[in-house]
PDB file of N, CA and C in Angstrom:
ATOM      1  N   UNK A   1       3.617  11.826   3.178  1.00  0.00           N
ATOM      2  CA  UNK A   1       4.514  10.995   2.968  1.00  0.00           C
ATOM      3  C   UNK A   1       4.175  10.488   4.530  1.00  0.00           C
ATOM      4  N   UNK A   2       4.117  11.040   5.426  1.00  0.00           N
ATOM      5  CA  UNK A   2       4.151  10.504   6.632  1.00  0.00           C
ATOM      6  C   UNK A   2       2.556   9.838   7.045  1.00  0.00           C
ATOM      7  N   UNK A   3       1.483  10.407   6.597  1.00  0.00           N
ATOM      8  CA  UNK A   3       0.120   9.565   6.400  1.00  0.00           C
ATOM      9  C   UNK A   3       0.472   8.151   5.562  1.00  0.00           C
ATOM     10  N   UNK A   4       1.189   8.213   4.278  1.00  0.00           N
ATOM     11  CA  UNK A   4       1.083   7.123   3.569  1.00  0.00           C
ATOM     12  C   UNK A   4       2.098   6.131   4.266  1.00  0.00           C
ATOM     13  N   UNK A   5       2.831   6.265   4.913  1.00  0.00           N
ATOM     14  CA  UNK A   5       3.537   5.522   5.991  1.00  0.00           C
ATOM     15  C   UNK A   5       2.514   5.011   7.211  1.00  0.00           C
ATOM     16  N   UNK A   6       1.818   5.735   7.344  1.00  0.00           N
ATOM     17  CA  UNK A   6       1.098   5.222   8.471  1.00  0.00           C
ATOM     18  C   UNK A   6       0.078   4.168   7.747  1.00  0.00           C
ATOM     19  N   UNK A   7      -0.547   4.454   6.967  1.00  0.00           N
ATOM     20  CA  UNK A   7      -1.558   3.776   6.209  1.00  0.00           C
ATOM     21  C   UNK A   7      -0.922   2.468   6.025  1.00  0.00           C
ATOM     22  N   UNK A   8       0.380   2.600   5.432  1.00  0.00           N
ATOM     23  CA  UNK A   8       0.927   1.070   4.989  1.00  0.00           C
ATOM     24  C   UNK A   8       1.283   0.209   6.482  1.00  0.00           C
ATOM     25  N   UNK A   9       1.333   1.062   7.420  1.00  0.00           N
ATOM     26  CA  UNK A   9       1.761   0.262   8.756  1.00  0.00           C
ATOM     27  C   UNK A   9       0.471  -0.462   9.367  1.00  0.00           C
ATOM     28  N   UNK A  10      -0.574   0.279   9.084  1.00  0.00           N
ATOM     29  CA  UNK A  10      -1.723   0.129   9.779  1.00  0.00           C
ATOM     30  C   UNK A  10      -2.283  -1.254   8.603  1.00  0.00           C
ATOM     31  N   UNK A  11      -1.798  -1.378   7.386  1.00  0.00           N
ATOM     32  CA  UNK A  11      -2.572  -2.306   6.574  1.00  0.00           C
ATOM     33  C   UNK A  11      -1.747  -3.559   6.597  1.00  0.00           C
ATOM     34  N   UNK A  12      -0.303  -3.228   7.330  1.00  0.00           N
ATOM     35  CA  UNK A  12       0.474  -4.258   7.469  1.00  0.00           C
ATOM     36  C   UNK A  12      -0.168  -5.035   9.013  1.00  0.00           C
ATOM     37  N   UNK A  13      -0.270  -4.361   9.812  1.00  0.00           N
ATOM     38  CA  UNK A  13      -1.060  -4.715  11.014  1.00  0.00           C
ATOM     39  C   UNK A  13      -2.282  -5.595  10.644  1.00  0.00           C
ATOM     40  N   UNK A  14      -3.093  -4.780  10.113  1.00  0.00           N
ATOM     41  CA  UNK A  14      -4.346  -5.258   9.733  1.00  0.00           C
ATOM     42  C   UNK A  14      -4.356  -6.702   9.200  1.00  0.00           C
ATOM     43  N   UNK A  15      -3.826  -6.850   8.022  1.00  0.00           N
ATOM     44  CA  UNK A  15      -3.979  -7.976   7.292  1.00  0.00           C
ATOM     45  C   UNK A  15      -2.712  -9.081   7.268  1.00  0.00           C
ATOM     46  N   UNK A  16      -1.782  -8.840   8.638  1.00  0.00           N
ATOM     47  CA  UNK A  16      -0.439  -9.553   8.223  1.00  0.00           C
ATOM     48  C   UNK A  16      -1.021 -11.189   8.620  1.00  0.00           C
ATOM     49  N   UNK A  17      -2.023 -11.351   9.028  1.00  0.00           N
ATOM     50  CA  UNK A  17      -2.395 -12.981   9.498  1.00  0.00           C
ATOM     51  C   UNK A  17      -3.011 -13.652   8.246  1.00  0.00           C
ATOM     52  N   UNK A  18      -3.124 -13.194   7.225  1.00  0.00           N
ATOM     53  CA  UNK A  18      -3.782 -13.760   5.787  1.00  0.00           C
ATOM     54  C   UNK A  18      -3.475 -13.044   4.388  1.00  0.00           C
ATOM     55  N   UNK A  19      -3.090 -13.757   3.671  1.00  0.00           N
ATOM     56  CA  UNK A  19      -2.736 -12.895   2.640  1.00  0.00           C
ATOM     57  C   UNK A  19      -4.097 -12.366   1.760  1.00  0.00           C
ATOM     58  N   UNK A  20      -4.073 -11.411   1.030  1.00  0.00           N
ATOM     59  CA  UNK A  20      -5.211 -10.976   0.519  1.00  0.00           C
ATOM     60  C   UNK A  20      -4.867  -9.922  -0.641  1.00  0.00           C
ATOM     61  N   UNK A  21      -5.616  -9.612  -1.520  1.00  0.00           N
ATOM     62  CA  UNK A  21      -5.868  -8.757  -2.851  1.00  0.00           C
ATOM     63  C   UNK A  21      -6.207  -7.208  -2.058  1.00  0.00           C
ATOM     64  N   UNK A  22      -5.676  -6.123  -2.369  1.00  0.00           N
ATOM     65  CA  UNK A  22      -5.995  -5.134  -1.851  1.00  0.00           C
ATOM     66  C   UNK A  22      -6.019  -4.043  -2.588  1.00  0.00           C
ATOM     67  N   UNK A  23      -7.099  -3.074  -2.793  1.00  0.00           N
ATOM     68  CA  UNK A  23      -7.092  -1.944  -3.752  1.00  0.00           C
ATOM     69  C   UNK A  23      -6.720  -0.720  -3.222  1.00  0.00           C
ATOM     70  N   UNK A  24      -5.846   0.092  -3.660  1.00  0.00           N
ATOM     71  CA  UNK A  24      -5.476   1.267  -2.914  1.00  0.00           C
ATOM     72  C   UNK A  24      -5.594   2.500  -4.188  1.00  0.00           C
ATOM     73  N   UNK A  25      -6.581   3.328  -3.754  1.00  0.00           N
ATOM     74  CA  UNK A  25      -6.845   4.663  -4.600  1.00  0.00           C
ATOM     75  C   UNK A  25      -5.859   5.633  -4.206  1.00  0.00           C
ATOM     76  N   UNK A  26      -4.770   6.174  -4.967  1.00  0.00           N
ATOM     77  CA  UNK A  26      -4.237   7.384  -4.577  1.00  0.00           C
ATOM     78  C   UNK A  26      -4.188   8.474  -5.613  1.00  0.00           C
ATOM     79  N   UNK A  27      -3.906   9.663  -5.352  1.00  0.00           N
ATOM     80  CA  UNK A  27      -3.375  10.826  -6.160  1.00  0.00           C
ATOM     81  C   UNK A  27      -2.590  10.413  -7.177  1.00  0.00           C
ATOM     82  N   UNK A  28      -2.313  10.630  -8.336  1.00  0.00           N
ATOM     83  CA  UNK A  28      -1.295  10.410  -9.606  1.00  0.00           C
ATOM     84  C   UNK A  28       0.187  11.507  -8.983  1.00  0.00           C
ATOM     85  N   UNK A  29      -0.108  12.570  -8.184  1.00  0.00           N
ATOM     86  CA  UNK A  29       1.123  13.151  -7.705  1.00  0.00           C
ATOM     87  C   UNK A  29       1.837  12.183  -6.622  1.00  0.00           C
ATOM     88  N   UNK A  30       1.324  11.160  -6.323  1.00  0.00           N
ATOM     89  CA  UNK A  30       1.572  10.758  -5.169  1.00  0.00           C
ATOM     90  C   UNK A  30       2.089   8.900  -5.668  1.00  0.00           C
ATOM     91  N   UNK A  31       2.584   8.900  -6.949  1.00  0.00           N
ATOM     92  CA  UNK A  31       2.945   7.575  -7.396  1.00  0.00           C
ATOM     93  C   UNK A  31       4.187   7.274  -7.456  1.00  0.00           C
ATOM     94  N   UNK A  32       5.048   7.878  -7.270  1.00  0.00           N
ATOM     95  CA  UNK A  32       6.452   7.270  -6.509  1.00  0.00           C
ATOM     96  C   UNK A  32       6.836   6.993  -5.093  1.00  0.00           C
ATOM     97  N   UNK A  33       6.413   7.888  -4.409  1.00  0.00           N
ATOM     98  CA  UNK A  33       6.261   7.404  -3.125  1.00  0.00           C
ATOM     99  C   UNK A  33       5.207   6.041  -2.601  1.00  0.00           C
ATOM    100  N   UNK A  34       3.947   6.311  -3.407  1.00  0.00           N
ATOM    101  CA  UNK A  34       3.157   5.021  -3.070  1.00  0.00           C
ATOM    102  C   UNK A  34       3.733   3.895  -3.525  1.00  0.00           C
ATOM    103  N   UNK A  35       4.535   3.667  -4.747  1.00  0.00           N
ATOM    104  CA  UNK A  35       4.921   2.762  -5.306  1.00  0.00           C
ATOM    105  C   UNK A  35       5.888   1.912  -4.101  1.00  0.00           C
ATOM    106  N   UNK A  36       7.031   2.450  -3.737  1.00  0.00           N
ATOM    107  CA  UNK A  36       7.743   2.200  -2.720  1.00  0.00           C
ATOM    108  C   UNK A  36       7.076   1.453  -1.734  1.00  0.00           C
ATOM    109  N   UNK A  37       6.188   2.176  -1.282  1.00  0.00           N
ATOM    110  CA  UNK A  37       5.292   1.731  -0.116  1.00  0.00           C
ATOM    111  C   UNK A  37       4.521   0.431  -0.672  1.00  0.00           C
ATOM    112  N   UNK A  38       4.022   0.444  -1.288  1.00  0.00           N
ATOM    113  CA  UNK A  38       3.178  -0.927  -2.085  1.00  0.00           C
ATOM    114  C   UNK A  38       4.638  -1.853  -1.829  1.00  0.00           C
ATOM    115  N   UNK A  39       5.090  -1.448  -2.577  1.00  0.00           N
ATOM    116  CA  UNK A  39       6.317  -2.804  -2.914  1.00  0.00           C
ATOM    117  C   UNK A  39       7.104  -3.604  -1.525  1.00  0.00           C
ATOM    118  N   UNK A  40       7.268  -2.180  -0.524  1.00  0.00           N
ATOM    119  CA  UNK A  40       7.789  -2.934   0.616  1.00  0.00           C
ATOM    120  C   UNK A  40       6.589  -3.663   1.357  1.00  0.00           C
ATOM    121  N   UNK A  41       5.355  -3.101   1.501  1.00  0.00           N
ATOM    122  CA  UNK A  41       4.442  -3.858   1.879  1.00  0.00           C
ATOM    123  C   UNK A  41       4.019  -5.388   1.281  1.00  0.00           C
ATOM    124  N   UNK A  42       3.941  -5.187   0.131  1.00  0.00           N
ATOM    125  CA  UNK A  42       3.540  -6.564  -0.875  1.00  0.00           C
ATOM    126  C   UNK A  42       4.921  -7.681   0.188  1.00  0.00           C
ATOM    127  N   UNK A  43       6.172  -6.905   0.302  1.00  0.00           N
ATOM    128  CA  UNK A  43       7.444  -8.102   0.446  1.00  0.00           C
ATOM    129  C   UNK A  43       7.449  -8.389   1.864  1.00  0.00           C
ATOM    130  N   UNK A  44       6.382  -7.655   2.691  1.00  0.00           N
ATOM    131  CA  UNK A  44       6.575  -7.844   4.165  1.00  0.00           C
ATOM    132  C   UNK A  44       5.471  -8.889   4.393  1.00  0.00           C
ATOM    133  N   UNK A  45       4.296  -8.834   3.635  1.00  0.00           N
ATOM    134  CA  UNK A  45       3.077  -9.371   4.128  1.00  0.00           C
ATOM    135  C   UNK A  45       2.630 -10.268   3.094  1.00  0.00           C
ATOM    136  N   UNK A  46       3.255 -10.502   1.953  1.00  0.00           N
ATOM    137  CA  UNK A  46       2.756 -11.383   0.636  1.00  0.00           C
ATOM    138  C   UNK A  46       1.263 -10.866   0.311  1.00  0.00           C
ATOM    139  N   UNK A  47       0.764  -9.804   0.578  1.00  0.00           N
ATOM    140  CA  UNK A  47      -0.542  -9.447   0.089  1.00  0.00           C
ATOM    141  C   UNK A  47      -0.044  -8.970  -1.396  1.00  0.00           C
ATOM    142  N   UNK A  48      -1.045  -8.705  -2.321  1.00  0.00           N
ATOM    143  CA  UNK A  48      -1.209  -8.248  -3.346  1.00  0.00           C
ATOM    144  C   UNK A  48      -1.906  -6.935  -3.525  1.00  0.00           C
ATOM    145  N   UNK A  49      -1.346  -5.659  -3.916  1.00  0.00           N
ATOM    146  CA  UNK A  49      -1.865  -4.413  -3.795  1.00  0.00           C
ATOM    147  C   UNK A  49      -1.832  -3.860  -5.260  1.00  0.00           C
ATOM    148  N   UNK A  50      -3.098  -3.841  -5.696  1.00  0.00           N
ATOM    149  CA  UNK A  50      -3.573  -2.784  -7.160  1.00  0.00           C
ATOM    150  C   UNK A  50      -3.629  -1.509  -6.639  1.00  0.00           C
ATOM    151  N   UNK A  51      -2.872  -0.324  -7.367  1.00  0.00           N
ATOM    152  CA  UNK A  51      -3.074   0.847  -7.064  1.00  0.00           C
ATOM    153  C   UNK A  51      -3.574   1.230  -8.276  1.00  0.00           C
ATOM    154  N   UNK A  52      -4.500   2.330  -8.266  1.00  0.00           N
ATOM    155  CA  UNK A  52      -5.448   3.015  -9.043  1.00  0.00           C
ATOM    156  C   UNK A  52      -4.979   4.362  -9.030  1.00  0.00           C
ATOM    157  N   UNK A  53      -4.245   4.907  -9.875  1.00  0.00           N
ATOM    158  CA  UNK A  53      -3.942   6.500  -9.692  1.00  0.00           C
ATOM    159  C   UNK A  53      -5.055   7.504 -10.209  1.00  0.00           C
ATOM    160  N   UNK A  54      -5.226   8.611  -9.855  1.00  0.00           N
ATOM    161  CA  UNK A  54      -6.370   9.298 -10.403  1.00  0.00           C
ATOM    162  C   UNK A  54      -5.740  11.068  -9.849  1.00  0.00           C
ATOM    163  N   UNK A  55      -6.590  11.703 -10.750  1.00  0.00           N
ATOM    164  CA  UNK A  55      -6.239  12.943 -10.672  1.00  0.00           C
ATOM    165  C   UNK A  55      -6.396  13.632  -9.202  1.00  0.00           C
TER     166      UNK A  55
END
């Protein structure tokens, strides 16, 4: 969970100057926390995140 929060913060800092479409590949077992982080990230930055879950 801490790694996901760090990733979200890094993404927010990196892409805050302009909106972009981002793609995130994550394990299916992390779906719930990833969705929460992605939702918050999209609200804070205006970037659209497409998440693809895998095994």
